[in-house]
Amino acid sequence: MYRLLIVDDEKVIRDGLSAWDWERCGIEVAGCCAHGLEALKFISTSPVDIVMTDIRMPFMDGIALMDALNRRYPFIKLIVLSGHGDFAYARKATQYGAVDYLLKPVPFAELPKTIGRLKERLDEQRQHEERLKVLTRKALQLTKVLRDDFLARLFEGPLSCEALEQGGAEGEVLLEAGRYTAAVLVLDRIAVRRQRTSEKERKLIAFSLDNMLSDLWDARQHGYHLVDKSSLEVFLLAKDGGRQLLTDIAGHLHRYIGLFKSTFSLGIGVTVGSPYAIWQSMLAARSALAGNAEEGAVKTGAVPREETGLRGQLDRPPEEDDAPEADAAEPGSRDSIILVEAKRYMKANYGRSLTLKEVADHVFISTGHLSALFRHAGERFLKVLTAVRMEKAKELMLDNGYKVYEIVELVGYSDPAYFTEVFKKHTGKTPNEYRGKLKQPR
């Protein structure tokens, strides 16, 4: 059922309207208010779908109420109650999104028609939202698969600049210059006591760990996690060093010994100064737990001796063998024209998943060549794409008819948390903070 709020300063009208048989129209009367201020207070704690409001009321009249609702709750549908002398006000109300108006005394015989028209709009809106939810859910599932695949490769070995950039974009993993620490978390009953687990139990444990760490780690923007569904090892990546956070999360999971029937041991890798060296940190984390026989251990590893010579090399991306070295493109040259067309294609297709390979195929060159063109122009493919998406997101923020999760989808992202992180890095504000600033009087 849809929820209705009745706002009128005349008690007899409020009582008469609330007593009408709304249920037959699929409507529930959520409450009644005597003026606009009371209505705003009510809505702040009890959401509604429809507001039926009088025009002339004390403290805050119907026009001011509709103006406030249009700015704060643009999804609420409005019906205006007006006397014959208020017809001009009723017409003005349509500017604030009123979908219908009723003349006093209220013609109850007309209510089913009015509510029927309104319900059609609400049903269409709800169906649209449900479709968006389904699409978002599918996109999140795909993003989760791509994220897990990227993290597995990130922890396994060095990645090229393009692989790091493209994998991060597809999996919605934000990795920039900074300090990173990798860690591995193991169940002691498997890693130390060598207990066997059934396939059904492994799936349950993996599902539980994945969901808990999504909330306790990723959602709090500490970093990212990956659960190996076969070994039940948990790989963690902490941003900004984050060594204490890694120790804390291990302690938090110890509270769930009854659920997992095991304590946990944690291996913490070295802190590295670049995303390109994350695999070195994970190698050190794994080495910390090599041969561990102590339950509940927290150990810090070092880079194995045979790998220490690589440390300096891994603070920068590996050499790109397939990227041709070229001079900066001159205006009007073939490379310059290719770069312009690549950017045009990106601007036309920013609202969906877009890869470097797709853009390179569109301009008939290799991914390495296109990447080199961006580099020689002092740009990066992902930064250009992100800038396009963020500018469009800021433009959409001006329209209160769009909810933030809809804007996330419209500019090509699936994970609202990732979008928020990227948006804040780009603008210095979260989406809600940015939209709130737009509403402030100048």
Protein backbone atom coordinates (compact mmCIF):
# COMPACT_ATOMS: atom_id res chain seq x y z
CA MET A 1 0.00 0.00 0.00
CA TYR A 2 0.99 3.61 -0.57
CA ARG A 3 1.11 5.95 2.44
CA LEU A 4 -0.90 9.20 2.50
CA LEU A 5 -0.49 12.27 4.73
CA ILE A 6 -3.43 14.69 5.01
CA VAL A 7 -2.55 18.33 5.78
CA ASP A 8 -5.34 20.82 6.56
CA ASP A 9 -5.90 23.32 9.36
CA GLU A 10 -9.61 22.43 9.61
CA LYS A 11 -10.12 19.43 11.88
CA VAL A 12 -13.47 18.53 10.37
CA ILE A 13 -11.86 18.19 6.93
CA ARG A 14 -8.95 16.15 8.29
CA ASP A 15 -11.34 13.81 10.11
CA GLY A 16 -13.65 13.52 7.13
CA LEU A 17 -10.86 12.69 4.70
CA SER A 18 -9.13 10.22 7.03
CA ALA A 19 -12.44 8.39 7.59
CA TRP A 20 -12.92 7.73 3.88
CA ASP A 21 -12.37 4.15 2.68
CA TRP A 22 -8.82 4.57 1.34
CA GLU A 23 -7.97 0.88 1.55
CA ARG A 24 -10.13 0.01 -1.44
CA CYS A 25 -7.80 2.22 -3.48
CA GLY A 26 -4.68 0.63 -2.01
CA ILE A 27 -3.90 3.65 0.17
CA GLU A 28 -3.08 3.80 3.90
CA VAL A 29 -3.57 7.04 5.84
CA ALA A 30 -0.22 7.52 7.60
CA GLY A 31 -1.34 10.58 9.56
CA CYS A 32 -2.95 14.04 9.63
CA CYS A 33 -1.28 17.42 10.22
CA ALA A 34 -2.68 20.92 10.80
CA HIS A 35 -0.05 22.91 8.86
CA GLY A 36 3.09 22.65 6.73
CA LEU A 37 5.66 22.73 9.53
CA GLU A 38 3.93 19.89 11.32
CA ALA A 39 3.82 17.95 8.05
CA LEU A 40 7.57 18.38 7.43
CA LYS A 41 8.33 17.17 10.93
CA PHE A 42 6.07 14.15 10.41
CA ILE A 43 7.66 13.22 7.08
CA SER A 44 11.19 13.50 8.52
CA THR A 45 10.51 10.46 10.73
CA SER A 46 7.68 8.70 8.86
CA PRO A 47 8.10 8.51 5.07
CA VAL A 48 5.01 8.88 2.88
CA ASP A 49 4.24 8.51 -0.82
CA ILE A 50 1.42 11.07 -1.14
CA VAL A 51 0.67 14.42 0.53
CA MET A 52 -2.82 15.91 0.24
CA THR A 53 -2.52 19.53 1.37
CA ASP A 54 -4.68 22.61 1.81
CA ILE A 55 -3.44 25.95 0.42
CA ARG A 56 -4.19 28.41 3.23
CA MET A 57 -2.83 27.31 6.61
CA PRO A 58 -1.03 29.04 9.53
CA PHE A 59 2.73 28.86 10.16
CA MET A 60 3.47 27.33 6.74
CA ASP A 61 0.93 27.35 3.94
CA GLY A 62 0.48 24.76 1.23
CA ILE A 63 2.62 26.57 -1.36
CA ALA A 64 5.58 26.81 1.03
CA LEU A 65 5.09 23.17 2.03
CA MET A 66 5.11 22.04 -1.60
CA ASP A 67 8.23 24.08 -2.28
CA ALA A 68 9.99 22.40 0.67
CA LEU A 69 8.81 18.93 -0.37
CA ASN A 70 9.91 19.51 -3.95
CA ARG A 71 13.43 20.31 -2.74
CA ARG A 72 13.76 17.67 -0.02
CA TYR A 73 11.49 14.83 -1.13
CA PRO A 74 10.92 15.20 -4.90
CA PHE A 75 9.54 11.65 -5.16
CA ILE A 76 6.46 12.49 -3.01
CA LYS A 77 3.28 13.01 -5.07
CA LEU A 78 1.13 16.04 -4.20
CA ILE A 79 -2.63 16.66 -4.30
CA VAL A 80 -3.89 20.17 -3.54
CA LEU A 81 -7.07 21.01 -1.63
CA SER A 82 -8.38 24.48 -2.45
CA GLY A 83 -11.42 26.70 -2.08
CA HIS A 84 -12.95 28.40 -5.11
CA GLY A 85 -11.12 31.62 -4.25
CA ASP A 86 -7.77 29.81 -4.21
CA PHE A 87 -7.87 28.62 -7.82
CA ALA A 88 -4.92 30.84 -8.78
CA TYR A 89 -2.91 29.27 -5.95
CA ALA A 90 -3.92 25.82 -7.13
CA ARG A 91 -2.59 26.57 -10.60
CA LYS A 92 0.66 27.84 -9.10
CA ALA A 93 0.90 24.59 -7.14
CA THR A 94 1.37 22.68 -10.39
CA GLN A 95 4.76 24.41 -10.69
CA TYR A 96 5.80 22.56 -7.54
CA GLY A 97 4.81 19.17 -8.90
CA ALA A 98 1.18 18.88 -7.77
CA VAL A 99 -0.42 16.13 -9.84
CA ASP A 100 -4.05 17.11 -9.15
CA TYR A 101 -6.24 19.45 -7.13
CA LEU A 102 -9.65 19.08 -5.44
CA LEU A 103 -12.08 21.90 -4.67
CA LYS A 104 -13.61 22.21 -1.22
CA PRO A 105 -15.97 20.87 -0.10
CA VAL A 106 -14.18 17.71 -1.18
CA PRO A 107 -16.24 15.76 -3.77
CA PHE A 108 -15.74 12.25 -2.41
CA ALA A 109 -17.25 10.81 -5.59
CA GLU A 110 -14.23 12.21 -7.48
CA LEU A 111 -11.62 10.75 -5.14
CA PRO A 112 -11.42 7.30 -6.79
CA LYS A 113 -10.62 8.93 -10.16
CA THR A 114 -8.02 11.25 -8.65
CA ILE A 115 -6.38 8.48 -6.65
CA GLY A 116 -6.54 6.13 -9.63
CA ARG A 117 -4.55 8.55 -11.79
CA LEU A 118 -2.09 9.08 -8.97
CA LYS A 119 -1.64 5.35 -8.37
CA GLU A 120 -0.81 4.82 -12.03
CA ARG A 121 2.08 7.25 -11.68
CA LEU A 122 3.24 5.68 -8.43
CA ASP A 123 3.02 2.17 -9.92
CA GLU A 124 5.10 3.25 -12.92
CA GLN A 125 7.65 4.85 -10.59
CA ARG A 126 7.81 1.74 -8.41
CA GLN A 127 8.20 -0.55 -11.42
CA HIS A 128 11.01 1.65 -12.70
CA GLU A 129 12.72 1.49 -9.30
CA GLU A 130 12.33 -2.29 -9.18
CA ARG A 131 13.87 -2.63 -12.64
CA LEU A 132 16.75 -0.44 -11.52
CA LYS A 133 17.22 -2.61 -8.43
CA VAL A 134 17.33 -5.78 -10.55
CA LEU A 135 19.81 -4.23 -12.98
CA THR A 136 21.90 -2.89 -10.12
CA ARG A 137 21.90 -6.30 -8.42
CA LYS A 138 23.07 -7.98 -11.65
CA ALA A 139 25.73 -5.32 -12.16
CA LEU A 140 26.95 -5.77 -8.59
CA GLN A 141 27.19 -9.52 -9.09
CA LEU A 142 29.25 -9.03 -12.24
CA THR A 143 31.41 -6.41 -10.53
CA LYS A 144 32.01 -8.83 -7.64
CA VAL A 145 33.27 -11.50 -10.06
CA LEU A 146 35.53 -8.99 -11.84
CA ARG A 147 36.77 -7.61 -8.50
CA ASP A 148 37.67 -11.05 -7.15
CA ASP A 149 39.48 -11.93 -10.38
CA PHE A 150 41.44 -8.66 -10.29
CA LEU A 151 42.38 -9.00 -6.61
CA ALA A 152 43.56 -12.57 -7.21
CA ARG A 153 45.89 -11.33 -9.97
CA LEU A 154 46.96 -8.33 -7.88
CA PHE A 155 48.03 -10.58 -4.99
CA GLU A 156 49.67 -13.17 -7.24
CA GLY A 157 52.27 -11.14 -9.13
CA PRO A 158 53.25 -7.83 -10.76
CA LEU A 159 50.74 -6.24 -13.13
CA SER A 160 51.37 -3.87 -15.99
CA CYS A 161 50.13 -0.32 -15.81
CA GLU A 162 47.23 -1.10 -18.17
CA ALA A 163 46.29 -4.31 -16.32
CA LEU A 164 46.25 -2.46 -12.99
CA GLU A 165 44.22 0.43 -14.40
CA GLN A 166 41.75 -1.66 -16.38
CA GLY A 167 41.32 -4.34 -13.72
CA GLY A 168 40.71 -1.69 -11.08
CA ALA A 169 38.11 0.04 -13.27
CA GLU A 170 36.23 -3.17 -14.12
CA GLY A 171 36.28 -4.44 -10.52
CA GLU A 172 35.66 -0.96 -9.10
CA VAL A 173 38.81 -1.06 -6.98
CA LEU A 174 40.37 2.34 -6.38
CA LEU A 175 44.17 2.07 -6.16
CA GLU A 176 46.28 5.21 -6.31
CA ALA A 177 49.71 6.26 -5.13
CA GLY A 178 49.95 5.50 -1.43
CA ARG A 179 50.96 2.95 1.19
CA TYR A 180 49.46 -0.55 1.14
CA THR A 181 49.75 -3.57 3.39
CA ALA A 182 48.53 -7.06 2.47
CA ALA A 183 47.62 -9.81 4.91
CA VAL A 184 46.40 -13.39 4.92
CA LEU A 185 43.94 -14.74 7.49
CA VAL A 186 43.52 -18.50 8.02
CA LEU A 187 41.25 -20.75 10.07
CA ASP A 188 43.47 -22.59 12.53
CA ARG A 189 41.43 -25.79 12.49
CA ILE A 190 42.25 -26.08 8.79
CA ALA A 191 45.73 -24.51 8.56
CA VAL A 192 47.15 -25.74 11.91
CA ARG A 193 45.06 -28.75 12.97
CA ARG A 194 44.52 -29.92 9.39
CA GLN A 195 40.85 -30.74 9.93
CA ARG A 196 38.87 -31.67 6.86
CA THR A 197 35.66 -29.86 5.94
CA SER A 198 32.82 -30.92 3.70
CA GLU A 199 32.04 -28.99 0.54
CA LYS A 200 28.76 -27.80 2.08
CA GLU A 201 30.56 -26.48 5.17
CA ARG A 202 33.25 -24.76 3.07
CA LYS A 203 30.59 -22.94 1.07
CA LEU A 204 28.88 -21.80 4.26
CA ILE A 205 32.15 -20.59 5.82
CA ALA A 206 33.21 -18.79 2.61
CA PHE A 207 29.80 -17.13 2.31
CA SER A 208 29.88 -16.02 5.96
CA LEU A 209 33.42 -14.64 5.78
CA ASP A 210 32.72 -12.84 2.51
CA ASN A 211 29.62 -11.12 3.85
CA MET A 212 31.14 -10.20 7.21
CA LEU A 213 34.26 -8.69 5.65
CA SER A 214 32.21 -6.78 3.09
CA ASP A 215 30.58 -4.99 6.03
CA LEU A 216 33.51 -4.86 8.45
CA TRP A 217 36.29 -4.08 5.97
CA ASP A 218 35.27 -2.95 2.47
CA ALA A 219 32.20 -0.92 3.47
CA ARG A 220 34.28 1.01 6.03
CA GLN A 221 36.76 1.84 3.26
CA HIS A 222 39.67 0.14 5.04
CA GLY A 223 40.55 -1.63 1.79
CA TYR A 224 39.50 -4.81 -0.03
CA HIS A 225 39.21 -8.52 0.70
CA LEU A 226 39.17 -11.80 -1.20
CA VAL A 227 38.03 -15.19 0.10
CA ASP A 228 39.54 -18.31 -1.46
CA LYS A 229 36.53 -20.63 -1.56
CA SER A 230 38.74 -23.70 -1.80
CA SER A 231 41.35 -23.12 0.93
CA LEU A 232 39.16 -20.70 2.94
CA GLU A 233 42.12 -18.34 3.20
CA VAL A 234 41.16 -14.66 3.41
CA PHE A 235 43.37 -12.12 1.66
CA LEU A 236 43.13 -8.54 2.92
CA LEU A 237 44.46 -5.31 1.46
CA ALA A 238 44.74 -2.32 3.80
CA LYS A 239 45.01 1.23 2.48
CA ASP A 240 47.28 3.85 4.07
CA GLY A 241 49.40 1.18 5.74
CA GLY A 242 46.56 0.00 7.98
CA ARG A 243 48.58 -2.49 10.04
CA GLN A 244 46.58 -1.83 13.22
CA LEU A 245 43.32 -2.24 11.32
CA LEU A 246 44.48 -5.67 10.16
CA THR A 247 45.19 -6.72 13.73
CA ASP A 248 41.83 -5.34 14.84
CA ILE A 249 39.86 -7.25 12.20
CA ALA A 250 41.52 -10.50 13.24
CA GLY A 251 40.49 -9.79 16.84
CA HIS A 252 36.95 -9.02 15.73
CA LEU A 253 36.62 -12.35 13.92
CA HIS A 254 37.79 -14.17 17.05
CA ARG A 255 34.41 -13.23 18.55
CA TYR A 256 32.78 -15.63 16.10
CA ILE A 257 34.69 -18.73 17.16
CA GLY A 258 31.35 -20.45 17.78
CA LEU A 259 30.25 -19.83 14.19
CA PHE A 260 33.49 -20.90 12.52
CA LYS A 261 34.48 -23.50 15.17
CA SER A 262 38.00 -22.15 14.96
CA THR A 263 40.40 -19.42 15.99
CA PHE A 264 42.21 -17.38 13.31
CA SER A 265 45.86 -16.70 12.59
CA LEU A 266 47.02 -13.62 10.73
CA GLY A 267 50.09 -13.04 8.58
CA ILE A 268 50.87 -9.38 7.87
CA GLY A 269 53.10 -8.38 4.97
CA VAL A 270 55.47 -5.48 4.56
CA THR A 271 54.02 -2.03 3.87
CA VAL A 272 54.76 -0.98 0.29
CA GLY A 273 54.63 2.43 -1.34
CA SER A 274 52.91 1.57 -4.60
CA PRO A 275 50.03 -0.56 -5.93
CA TYR A 276 52.57 -2.29 -8.20
CA ALA A 277 54.28 -3.81 -5.14
CA ILE A 278 51.17 -5.19 -3.43
CA TRP A 279 52.02 -8.74 -4.50
CA GLN A 280 55.36 -8.40 -2.65
CA SER A 281 53.47 -7.51 0.51
CA MET A 282 51.23 -10.55 0.08
CA LEU A 283 54.28 -12.75 -0.50
CA ALA A 284 55.66 -11.53 2.84
CA ALA A 285 52.30 -12.16 4.53
CA ARG A 286 52.23 -15.74 3.27
CA SER A 287 55.82 -16.31 4.38
CA ALA A 288 54.89 -15.11 7.89
CA LEU A 289 52.53 -18.06 8.36
CA ALA A 290 54.70 -20.65 6.62
CA GLY A 291 55.08 -23.56 9.04
CA ASN A 292 53.02 -21.82 11.74
CA ALA A 293 51.89 -24.24 14.48
CA GLU A 294 50.48 -21.68 16.91
CA GLU A 295 46.74 -21.04 17.03
CA GLY A 296 45.62 -17.41 17.18
CA ALA A 297 49.00 -16.19 15.96
CA VAL A 298 49.62 -12.71 14.56
CA LYS A 299 52.92 -12.65 12.68
CA THR A 300 54.69 -10.14 10.49
CA GLY A 301 56.60 -11.34 7.45
CA ALA A 302 59.48 -9.99 5.42
CA VAL A 303 60.19 -10.12 1.72
CA PRO A 304 62.01 -13.41 0.98
CA ARG A 305 65.74 -12.89 0.42
CA GLU A 306 65.61 -13.95 -3.23
CA GLU A 307 62.98 -11.26 -3.93
CA THR A 308 64.55 -8.30 -2.11
CA GLY A 309 66.38 -7.12 -5.22
CA LEU A 310 63.03 -6.44 -6.89
CA ARG A 311 61.74 -4.05 -4.23
CA GLY A 312 63.04 -0.90 -5.85
CA GLN A 313 61.73 -1.92 -9.26
CA LEU A 314 58.21 -2.57 -7.98
CA ASP A 315 57.51 0.98 -6.83
CA ARG A 316 56.86 1.75 -10.48
CA PRO A 317 54.93 -0.13 -13.19
CA PRO A 318 56.65 -2.90 -15.15
CA GLU A 319 57.93 -2.00 -18.61
CA GLU A 320 55.27 -2.08 -21.32
CA ASP A 321 56.62 -4.32 -24.07
CA ASP A 322 53.68 -3.80 -26.40
CA ALA A 323 53.40 -0.02 -26.01
CA PRO A 324 55.23 1.77 -28.86
CA GLU A 325 57.36 4.71 -27.93
CA ALA A 326 56.15 7.73 -29.82
CA ASP A 327 56.56 11.44 -29.75
CA ALA A 328 53.71 13.57 -28.46
CA ALA A 329 51.01 13.78 -31.12
CA GLU A 330 51.04 17.03 -33.10
CA PRO A 331 47.66 18.75 -33.62
CA GLY A 332 46.13 17.47 -36.85
CA SER A 333 48.38 14.39 -36.97
CA ARG A 334 46.98 10.88 -37.31
CA ASP A 335 47.68 10.10 -33.64
CA SER A 336 46.03 13.33 -32.56
CA ILE A 337 42.90 12.51 -34.61
CA ILE A 338 42.83 9.00 -33.11
CA LEU A 339 43.00 10.41 -29.59
CA VAL A 340 40.19 12.90 -30.29
CA GLU A 341 37.97 10.14 -31.66
CA ALA A 342 38.79 7.88 -28.68
CA LYS A 343 37.71 10.62 -26.26
CA ARG A 344 34.56 11.31 -28.28
CA TYR A 345 33.65 7.63 -28.09
CA MET A 346 34.27 7.61 -24.33
CA LYS A 347 32.01 10.64 -23.84
CA ALA A 348 29.26 8.94 -25.85
CA ASN A 349 29.47 5.66 -23.94
CA TYR A 350 30.44 6.62 -20.37
CA GLY A 351 27.13 5.32 -18.96
CA ARG A 352 28.10 1.64 -19.21
CA SER A 353 31.10 -0.57 -18.58
CA LEU A 354 33.79 0.67 -20.94
CA THR A 355 37.19 -0.95 -21.42
CA LEU A 356 40.44 0.26 -22.92
CA LYS A 357 40.24 -2.61 -25.42
CA GLU A 358 36.78 -1.58 -26.63
CA VAL A 359 37.92 1.99 -27.24
CA ALA A 360 41.12 0.78 -28.92
CA ASP A 361 39.10 -1.53 -31.19
CA HIS A 362 36.86 1.39 -32.09
CA VAL A 363 39.81 3.45 -33.34
CA PHE A 364 41.51 0.37 -34.90
CA ILE A 365 44.73 0.33 -32.88
CA SER A 366 46.14 -1.89 -30.11
CA THR A 367 45.50 -1.24 -26.43
CA GLY A 368 49.22 -0.61 -25.93
CA HIS A 369 49.27 2.01 -28.69
CA LEU A 370 46.18 3.80 -27.33
CA SER A 371 47.58 3.72 -23.81
CA ALA A 372 50.83 5.23 -25.10
CA LEU A 373 48.90 8.00 -26.87
CA PHE A 374 47.17 8.90 -23.61
CA ARG A 375 50.50 8.85 -21.72
CA HIS A 376 52.28 11.06 -24.23
CA ALA A 377 49.40 13.52 -23.98
CA GLY A 378 49.98 13.60 -20.21
CA GLU A 379 46.75 11.66 -19.54
CA ARG A 380 45.52 8.21 -18.56
CA PHE A 381 42.57 6.33 -20.01
CA LEU A 382 40.90 5.76 -16.65
CA LYS A 383 41.44 9.33 -15.45
CA VAL A 384 39.87 10.72 -18.62
CA LEU A 385 36.90 8.35 -18.33
CA THR A 386 36.49 9.13 -14.63
CA ALA A 387 36.58 12.89 -15.31
CA VAL A 388 33.82 12.51 -17.92
CA ARG A 389 31.69 10.47 -15.51
CA MET A 390 32.21 12.84 -12.59
CA GLU A 391 31.27 15.91 -14.63
CA LYS A 392 28.07 14.18 -15.73
CA ALA A 393 27.38 13.11 -12.14
CA LYS A 394 27.73 16.71 -10.94
CA GLU A 395 25.34 17.81 -13.68
CA LEU A 396 22.77 15.19 -12.64
CA MET A 397 23.09 16.28 -9.01
CA LEU A 398 21.40 19.53 -10.01
CA ASP A 399 18.19 17.60 -10.77
CA ASN A 400 16.45 16.57 -7.54
CA GLY A 401 14.39 14.10 -9.54
CA TYR A 402 17.38 11.73 -9.57
CA LYS A 403 18.29 9.74 -6.49
CA VAL A 404 21.99 9.16 -5.85
CA TYR A 405 21.76 5.43 -6.60
CA GLU A 406 20.16 6.29 -9.98
CA ILE A 407 23.02 8.68 -10.77
CA VAL A 408 25.51 5.92 -9.87
CA GLU A 409 23.90 3.70 -12.51
CA LEU A 410 23.55 6.45 -15.11
CA VAL A 411 27.26 7.33 -15.08
CA GLY A 412 28.46 3.77 -15.49
CA TYR A 413 29.07 2.48 -11.95
CA SER A 414 27.41 -0.36 -10.05
CA ASP A 415 28.79 0.01 -6.52
CA PRO A 416 27.48 3.14 -4.72
CA ALA A 417 30.32 2.94 -2.15
CA TYR A 418 32.95 2.94 -4.90
CA PHE A 419 31.18 5.81 -6.67
CA THR A 420 31.12 7.79 -3.42
CA GLU A 421 34.84 7.22 -2.92
CA VAL A 422 35.68 8.33 -6.47
CA PHE A 423 33.29 11.30 -6.28
CA LYS A 424 34.83 12.49 -3.01
CA LYS A 425 38.35 12.27 -4.44
CA HIS A 426 37.19 14.27 -7.47
CA THR A 427 35.15 16.96 -5.68
CA GLY A 428 36.28 16.84 -2.04
CA LYS A 429 32.71 16.02 -0.96
CA THR A 430 30.43 13.00 -0.77
CA PRO A 431 27.44 13.03 -3.18
CA ASN A 432 25.07 14.01 -0.34
CA GLU A 433 27.41 16.77 0.86
CA TYR A 434 27.74 18.07 -2.69
CA ARG A 435 23.98 18.05 -3.26
CA GLY A 436 23.43 19.73 0.12
CA LYS A 437 25.82 22.52 -0.88
CA LEU A 438 23.87 23.06 -4.11
CA LYS A 439 20.69 23.64 -2.10
CA GLN A 440 22.24 26.28 0.15
CA PRO A 441 21.17 29.86 -0.67
CA ARG A 442 23.85 31.98 -2.27
